[in-house]
Amino acid sequence: MKATQIRELSADDITARVAELERERFNLRFRAGTQPLEDPLRLRVIRRELARLKTVLREKAVTRTGGK
């Protein structure tokens, strides 16, 4: 998901997506400790998407409070 697509979402939608990805990341990391993963690059993709989501969420919070 691109940052421009994320900016179109509401803050609640972004928060829900963050929770969903963090749950998936936890499960993948847990599974990686016990067995080889089918797609080990998925962890990287999840981590980067979480960063994008959190960045846009922070941008929305800063613009709402006036920039500080």
PDB file of N, CA and C in Angstrom:
ATOM      1  N   MET A   1       0.850  -1.177   0.000  1.00  0.00           N
ATOM      2  CA  MET A   1       0.000   0.000   0.000  1.00  0.00           C
ATOM      3  C   MET A   1       0.893   1.237   0.000  1.00  0.00           C
ATOM      4  N   LYS A   2       0.633   2.133  -0.908  1.00  0.00           N
ATOM      5  CA  LYS A   2       1.419   3.363  -1.039  1.00  0.00           C
ATOM      6  C   LYS A   2       0.952   4.398  -0.014  1.00  0.00           C
ATOM      7  N   ALA A   3       1.833   5.339   0.286  1.00  0.00           N
ATOM      8  CA  ALA A   3       1.515   6.383   1.263  1.00  0.00           C
ATOM      9  C   ALA A   3       0.331   7.230   0.808  1.00  0.00           C
ATOM     10  N   THR A   4       0.214   7.449  -0.497  1.00  0.00           N
ATOM     11  CA  THR A   4      -0.918   8.245  -0.989  1.00  0.00           C
ATOM     12  C   THR A   4      -2.241   7.525  -0.742  1.00  0.00           C
ATOM     13  N   GLN A   5      -2.236   6.204  -0.866  1.00  0.00           N
ATOM     14  CA  GLN A   5      -3.436   5.424  -0.583  1.00  0.00           C
ATOM     15  C   GLN A   5      -3.753   5.445   0.912  1.00  0.00           C
ATOM     16  N   ILE A   6      -2.720   5.405   1.727  1.00  0.00           N
ATOM     17  CA  ILE A   6      -2.907   5.406   3.184  1.00  0.00           C
ATOM     18  C   ILE A   6      -3.480   6.740   3.633  1.00  0.00           C
ATOM     19  N   ARG A   7      -3.028   7.837   3.025  1.00  0.00           N
ATOM     20  CA  ARG A   7      -3.510   9.169   3.419  1.00  0.00           C
ATOM     21  C   ARG A   7      -5.007   9.330   3.183  1.00  0.00           C
ATOM     22  N   GLU A   8      -5.564   8.560   2.259  1.00  0.00           N
ATOM     23  CA  GLU A   8      -6.997   8.628   1.978  1.00  0.00           C
ATOM     24  C   GLU A   8      -7.834   7.938   3.050  1.00  0.00           C
ATOM     25  N   LEU A   9      -7.214   7.087   3.868  1.00  0.00           N
ATOM     26  CA  LEU A   9      -7.934   6.368   4.919  1.00  0.00           C
ATOM     27  C   LEU A   9      -8.138   7.254   6.137  1.00  0.00           C
ATOM     28  N   SER A  10      -9.123   6.895   6.941  1.00  0.00           N
ATOM     29  CA  SER A  10      -9.336   7.625   8.197  1.00  0.00           C
ATOM     30  C   SER A  10      -8.346   7.117   9.250  1.00  0.00           C
ATOM     31  N   ALA A  11      -8.200   7.880  10.311  1.00  0.00           N
ATOM     32  CA  ALA A  11      -7.276   7.497  11.383  1.00  0.00           C
ATOM     33  C   ALA A  11      -7.687   6.169  12.016  1.00  0.00           C
ATOM     34  N   ASP A  12      -8.987   5.936  12.144  1.00  0.00           N
ATOM     35  CA  ASP A  12      -9.460   4.670  12.714  1.00  0.00           C
ATOM     36  C   ASP A  12      -9.118   3.491  11.814  1.00  0.00           C
ATOM     37  N   ASP A  13      -9.243   3.675  10.502  1.00  0.00           N
ATOM     38  CA  ASP A  13      -8.895   2.615   9.555  1.00  0.00           C
ATOM     39  C   ASP A  13      -7.402   2.309   9.614  1.00  0.00           C
ATOM     40  N   ILE A  14      -6.605   3.347   9.715  1.00  0.00           N
ATOM     41  CA  ILE A  14      -5.157   3.156   9.794  1.00  0.00           C
ATOM     42  C   ILE A  14      -4.797   2.415  11.077  1.00  0.00           C
ATOM     43  N   THR A  15      -5.401   2.796  12.188  1.00  0.00           N
ATOM     44  CA  THR A  15      -5.132   2.140  13.465  1.00  0.00           C
ATOM     45  C   THR A  15      -5.524   0.667  13.415  1.00  0.00           C
ATOM     46  N   ALA A  16      -6.647   0.367  12.797  1.00  0.00           N
ATOM     47  CA  ALA A  16      -7.088  -1.024  12.669  1.00  0.00           C
ATOM     48  C   ALA A  16      -6.109  -1.824  11.820  1.00  0.00           C
ATOM     49  N   ARG A  17      -5.633  -1.219  10.742  1.00  0.00           N
ATOM     50  CA  ARG A  17      -4.670  -1.900   9.860  1.00  0.00           C
ATOM     51  C   ARG A  17      -3.347  -2.129  10.584  1.00  0.00           C
ATOM     52  N   VAL A  18      -2.919  -1.172  11.415  1.00  0.00           N
ATOM     53  CA  VAL A  18      -1.690  -1.333  12.203  1.00  0.00           C
ATOM     54  C   VAL A  18      -1.834  -2.516  13.151  1.00  0.00           C
ATOM     55  N   ALA A  19      -2.964  -2.604  13.832  1.00  0.00           N
ATOM     56  CA  ALA A  19      -3.187  -3.707  14.765  1.00  0.00           C
ATOM     57  C   ALA A  19      -3.179  -5.046  14.029  1.00  0.00           C
ATOM     58  N   GLU A  20      -3.802  -5.081  12.869  1.00  0.00           N
ATOM     59  CA  GLU A  20      -3.856  -6.307  12.077  1.00  0.00           C
ATOM     60  C   GLU A  20      -2.460  -6.750  11.636  1.00  0.00           C
ATOM     61  N   LEU A  21      -1.658  -5.801  11.169  1.00  0.00           N
ATOM     62  CA  LEU A  21      -0.308  -6.134  10.724  1.00  0.00           C
ATOM     63  C   LEU A  21       0.599  -6.518  11.888  1.00  0.00           C
ATOM     64  N   GLU A  22       0.436  -5.873  13.029  1.00  0.00           N
ATOM     65  CA  GLU A  22       1.249  -6.239  14.190  1.00  0.00           C
ATOM     66  C   GLU A  22       0.918  -7.655  14.657  1.00  0.00           C
ATOM     67  N   ARG A  23      -0.354  -8.025  14.578  1.00  0.00           N
ATOM     68  CA  ARG A  23      -0.757  -9.386  14.934  1.00  0.00           C
ATOM     69  C   ARG A  23      -0.139 -10.389  13.956  1.00  0.00           C
ATOM     70  N   GLU A  24      -0.186 -10.070  12.669  1.00  0.00           N
ATOM     71  CA  GLU A  24       0.402 -10.955  11.656  1.00  0.00           C
ATOM     72  C   GLU A  24       1.912 -11.063  11.841  1.00  0.00           C
ATOM     73  N   ARG A  25       2.543  -9.940  12.134  1.00  0.00           N
ATOM     74  CA  ARG A  25       3.995  -9.946  12.358  1.00  0.00           C
ATOM     75  C   ARG A  25       4.368 -10.799  13.558  1.00  0.00           C
ATOM     76  N   PHE A  26       3.600 -10.683  14.644  1.00  0.00           N
ATOM     77  CA  PHE A  26       3.853 -11.499  15.826  1.00  0.00           C
ATOM     78  C   PHE A  26       3.752 -12.979  15.485  1.00  0.00           C
ATOM     79  N   ASN A  27       2.691 -13.353  14.777  1.00  0.00           N
ATOM     80  CA  ASN A  27       2.489 -14.757  14.419  1.00  0.00           C
ATOM     81  C   ASN A  27       3.614 -15.276  13.527  1.00  0.00           C
ATOM     82  N   LEU A  28       4.046 -14.456  12.575  1.00  0.00           N
ATOM     83  CA  LEU A  28       5.137 -14.877  11.699  1.00  0.00           C
ATOM     84  C   LEU A  28       6.448 -15.026  12.459  1.00  0.00           C
ATOM     85  N   ARG A  29       6.725 -14.102  13.347  1.00  0.00           N
ATOM     86  CA  ARG A  29       7.969 -14.192  14.123  1.00  0.00           C
ATOM     87  C   ARG A  29       7.938 -15.406  15.045  1.00  0.00           C
ATOM     88  N   PHE A  30       6.782 -15.679  15.608  1.00  0.00           N
ATOM     89  CA  PHE A  30       6.636 -16.845  16.484  1.00  0.00           C
ATOM     90  C   PHE A  30       6.849 -18.124  15.673  1.00  0.00           C
ATOM     91  N   ARG A  31       6.237 -18.179  14.498  1.00  0.00           N
ATOM     92  CA  ARG A  31       6.357 -19.352  13.632  1.00  0.00           C
ATOM     93  C   ARG A  31       7.784 -19.508  13.115  1.00  0.00           C
ATOM     94  N   ALA A  32       8.471 -18.407  12.881  1.00  0.00           N
ATOM     95  CA  ALA A  32       9.842 -18.452  12.367  1.00  0.00           C
ATOM     96  C   ALA A  32      10.790 -19.094  13.374  1.00  0.00           C
ATOM     97  N   GLY A  33      10.456 -19.009  14.638  1.00  0.00           N
ATOM     98  CA  GLY A  33      11.288 -19.625  15.665  1.00  0.00           C
ATOM     99  C   GLY A  33      11.147 -21.129  15.726  1.00  0.00           C
ATOM    100  N   THR A  34      10.071 -21.658  15.204  1.00  0.00           N
ATOM    101  CA  THR A  34       9.834 -23.092  15.307  1.00  0.00           C
ATOM    102  C   THR A  34       9.962 -23.831  13.983  1.00  0.00           C
ATOM    103  N   GLN A  35       9.765 -23.127  12.868  1.00  0.00           N
ATOM    104  CA  GLN A  35       9.834 -23.780  11.556  1.00  0.00           C
ATOM    105  C   GLN A  35      10.214 -22.755  10.500  1.00  0.00           C
ATOM    106  N   PRO A  36      10.737 -23.217   9.377  1.00  0.00           N
ATOM    107  CA  PRO A  36      11.064 -22.262   8.313  1.00  0.00           C
ATOM    108  C   PRO A  36       9.795 -21.660   7.704  1.00  0.00           C
ATOM    109  N   LEU A  37       9.880 -20.384   7.379  1.00  0.00           N
ATOM    110  CA  LEU A  37       8.730 -19.687   6.802  1.00  0.00           C
ATOM    111  C   LEU A  37       8.653 -19.927   5.302  1.00  0.00           C
ATOM    112  N   GLU A  38       7.425 -19.965   4.780  1.00  0.00           N
ATOM    113  CA  GLU A  38       7.230 -20.102   3.339  1.00  0.00           C
ATOM    114  C   GLU A  38       7.734 -18.849   2.619  1.00  0.00           C
ATOM    115  N   ASP A  39       7.449 -17.679   3.184  1.00  0.00           N
ATOM    116  CA  ASP A  39       7.836 -16.416   2.576  1.00  0.00           C
ATOM    117  C   ASP A  39       8.518 -15.536   3.622  1.00  0.00           C
ATOM    118  N   PRO A  40       9.817 -15.711   3.831  1.00  0.00           N
ATOM    119  CA  PRO A  40      10.501 -14.929   4.871  1.00  0.00           C
ATOM    120  C   PRO A  40      10.542 -13.432   4.574  1.00  0.00           C
ATOM    121  N   LEU A  41      10.394 -13.037   3.316  1.00  0.00           N
ATOM    122  CA  LEU A  41      10.398 -11.616   2.982  1.00  0.00           C
ATOM    123  C   LEU A  41       9.128 -10.919   3.434  1.00  0.00           C
ATOM    124  N   ARG A  42       8.115 -11.684   3.777  1.00  0.00           N
ATOM    125  CA  ARG A  42       6.852 -11.091   4.243  1.00  0.00           C
ATOM    126  C   ARG A  42       7.094 -10.271   5.512  1.00  0.00           C
ATOM    127  N   LEU A  43       8.036 -10.703   6.348  1.00  0.00           N
ATOM    128  CA  LEU A  43       8.354  -9.938   7.557  1.00  0.00           C
ATOM    129  C   LEU A  43       8.848  -8.535   7.195  1.00  0.00           C
ATOM    130  N   ARG A  44       9.672  -8.433   6.174  1.00  0.00           N
ATOM    131  CA  ARG A  44      10.181  -7.131   5.744  1.00  0.00           C
ATOM    132  C   ARG A  44       9.051  -6.265   5.195  1.00  0.00           C
ATOM    133  N   VAL A  45       8.195  -6.870   4.401  1.00  0.00           N
ATOM    134  CA  VAL A  45       7.073  -6.135   3.815  1.00  0.00           C
ATOM    135  C   VAL A  45       6.159  -5.598   4.916  1.00  0.00           C
ATOM    136  N   ILE A  46       5.875  -6.429   5.908  1.00  0.00           N
ATOM    137  CA  ILE A  46       5.015  -6.016   7.020  1.00  0.00           C
ATOM    138  C   ILE A  46       5.662  -4.869   7.789  1.00  0.00           C
ATOM    139  N   ARG A  47       6.961  -5.003   8.070  1.00  0.00           N
ATOM    140  CA  ARG A  47       7.665  -3.972   8.834  1.00  0.00           C
ATOM    141  C   ARG A  47       7.623  -2.628   8.113  1.00  0.00           C
ATOM    142  N   ARG A  48       7.833  -2.638   6.824  1.00  0.00           N
ATOM    143  CA  ARG A  48       7.830  -1.391   6.062  1.00  0.00           C
ATOM    144  C   ARG A  48       6.429  -0.791   5.950  1.00  0.00           C
ATOM    145  N   GLU A  49       5.421  -1.659   5.797  1.00  0.00           N
ATOM    146  CA  GLU A  49       4.061  -1.136   5.724  1.00  0.00           C
ATOM    147  C   GLU A  49       3.636  -0.553   7.068  1.00  0.00           C
ATOM    148  N   LEU A  50       4.050  -1.191   8.160  1.00  0.00           N
ATOM    149  CA  LEU A  50       3.763  -0.634   9.483  1.00  0.00           C
ATOM    150  C   LEU A  50       4.397   0.750   9.629  1.00  0.00           C
ATOM    151  N   ALA A  51       5.613   0.896   9.161  1.00  0.00           N
ATOM    152  CA  ALA A  51       6.295   2.192   9.245  1.00  0.00           C
ATOM    153  C   ALA A  51       5.543   3.246   8.440  1.00  0.00           C
ATOM    154  N   ARG A  52       5.093   2.884   7.237  1.00  0.00           N
ATOM    155  CA  ARG A  52       4.323   3.830   6.428  1.00  0.00           C
ATOM    156  C   ARG A  52       3.041   4.239   7.128  1.00  0.00           C
ATOM    157  N   LEU A  53       2.323   3.249   7.663  1.00  0.00           N
ATOM    158  CA  LEU A  53       1.059   3.533   8.337  1.00  0.00           C
ATOM    159  C   LEU A  53       1.266   4.446   9.535  1.00  0.00           C
ATOM    160  N   LYS A  54       2.271   4.137  10.347  1.00  0.00           N
ATOM    161  CA  LYS A  54       2.524   4.929  11.543  1.00  0.00           C
ATOM    162  C   LYS A  54       2.985   6.337  11.185  1.00  0.00           C
ATOM    163  N   THR A  55       3.738   6.469  10.090  1.00  0.00           N
ATOM    164  CA  THR A  55       4.181   7.791   9.654  1.00  0.00           C
ATOM    165  C   THR A  55       2.990   8.654   9.248  1.00  0.00           C
ATOM    166  N   VAL A  56       2.089   8.093   8.458  1.00  0.00           N
ATOM    167  CA  VAL A  56       0.922   8.847   8.013  1.00  0.00           C
ATOM    168  C   VAL A  56       0.020   9.173   9.206  1.00  0.00           C
ATOM    169  N   LEU A  57      -0.110   8.236  10.135  1.00  0.00           N
ATOM    170  CA  LEU A  57      -0.915   8.485  11.336  1.00  0.00           C
ATOM    171  C   LEU A  57      -0.319   9.638  12.139  1.00  0.00           C
ATOM    172  N   ARG A  58       0.993   9.677  12.228  1.00  0.00           N
ATOM    173  CA  ARG A  58       1.684  10.763  12.932  1.00  0.00           C
ATOM    174  C   ARG A  58       1.494  12.090  12.191  1.00  0.00           C
ATOM    175  N   GLU A  59       1.568  12.046  10.872  1.00  0.00           N
ATOM    176  CA  GLU A  59       1.333  13.265  10.081  1.00  0.00           C
ATOM    177  C   GLU A  59      -0.060  13.816  10.351  1.00  0.00           C
ATOM    178  N   LYS A  60      -1.045  12.934  10.393  1.00  0.00           N
ATOM    179  CA  LYS A  60      -2.417  13.370  10.652  1.00  0.00           C
ATOM    180  C   LYS A  60      -2.538  13.979  12.039  1.00  0.00           C
ATOM    181  N   ALA A  61      -1.861  13.398  13.024  1.00  0.00           N
ATOM    182  CA  ALA A  61      -1.919  13.910  14.388  1.00  0.00           C
ATOM    183  C   ALA A  61      -1.254  15.281  14.481  1.00  0.00           C
ATOM    184  N   VAL A  62      -0.137  15.459  13.785  1.00  0.00           N
ATOM    185  CA  VAL A  62       0.572  16.738  13.824  1.00  0.00           C
ATOM    186  C   VAL A  62      -0.230  17.833  13.155  1.00  0.00           C
ATOM    187  N   THR A  63      -0.835  17.537  12.018  1.00  0.00           N
ATOM    188  CA  THR A  63      -1.618  18.560  11.328  1.00  0.00           C
ATOM    189  C   THR A  63      -2.878  18.912  12.112  1.00  0.00           C
ATOM    190  N   ARG A  64      -3.391  17.960  12.841  1.00  0.00           N
ATOM    191  CA  ARG A  64      -4.590  18.216  13.653  1.00  0.00           C
ATOM    192  C   ARG A  64      -4.280  19.124  14.833  1.00  0.00           C
ATOM    193  N   THR A  65      -3.051  19.012  15.384  1.00  0.00           N
ATOM    194  CA  THR A  65      -2.697  19.802  16.560  1.00  0.00           C
ATOM    195  C   THR A  65      -2.041  21.131  16.203  1.00  0.00           C
ATOM    196  N   GLY A  66      -1.827  21.369  14.941  1.00  0.00           N
ATOM    197  CA  GLY A  66      -1.287  22.667  14.546  1.00  0.00           C
ATOM    198  C   GLY A  66       0.193  22.670  14.244  1.00  0.00           C
ATOM    199  N   GLY A  67       0.814  21.503  14.113  1.00  0.00           N
ATOM    200  CA  GLY A  67       2.205  21.468  13.680  1.00  0.00           C
ATOM    201  C   GLY A  67       3.242  21.287  14.758  1.00  0.00           C
ATOM    202  N   LYS A  68       2.859  21.253  16.018  1.00  0.00           N
ATOM    203  CA  LYS A  68       3.870  21.060  17.070  1.00  0.00           C
ATOM    204  C   LYS A  68       3.588  19.837  17.870  1.00  0.00           C
TER     205      LYS A  68
END
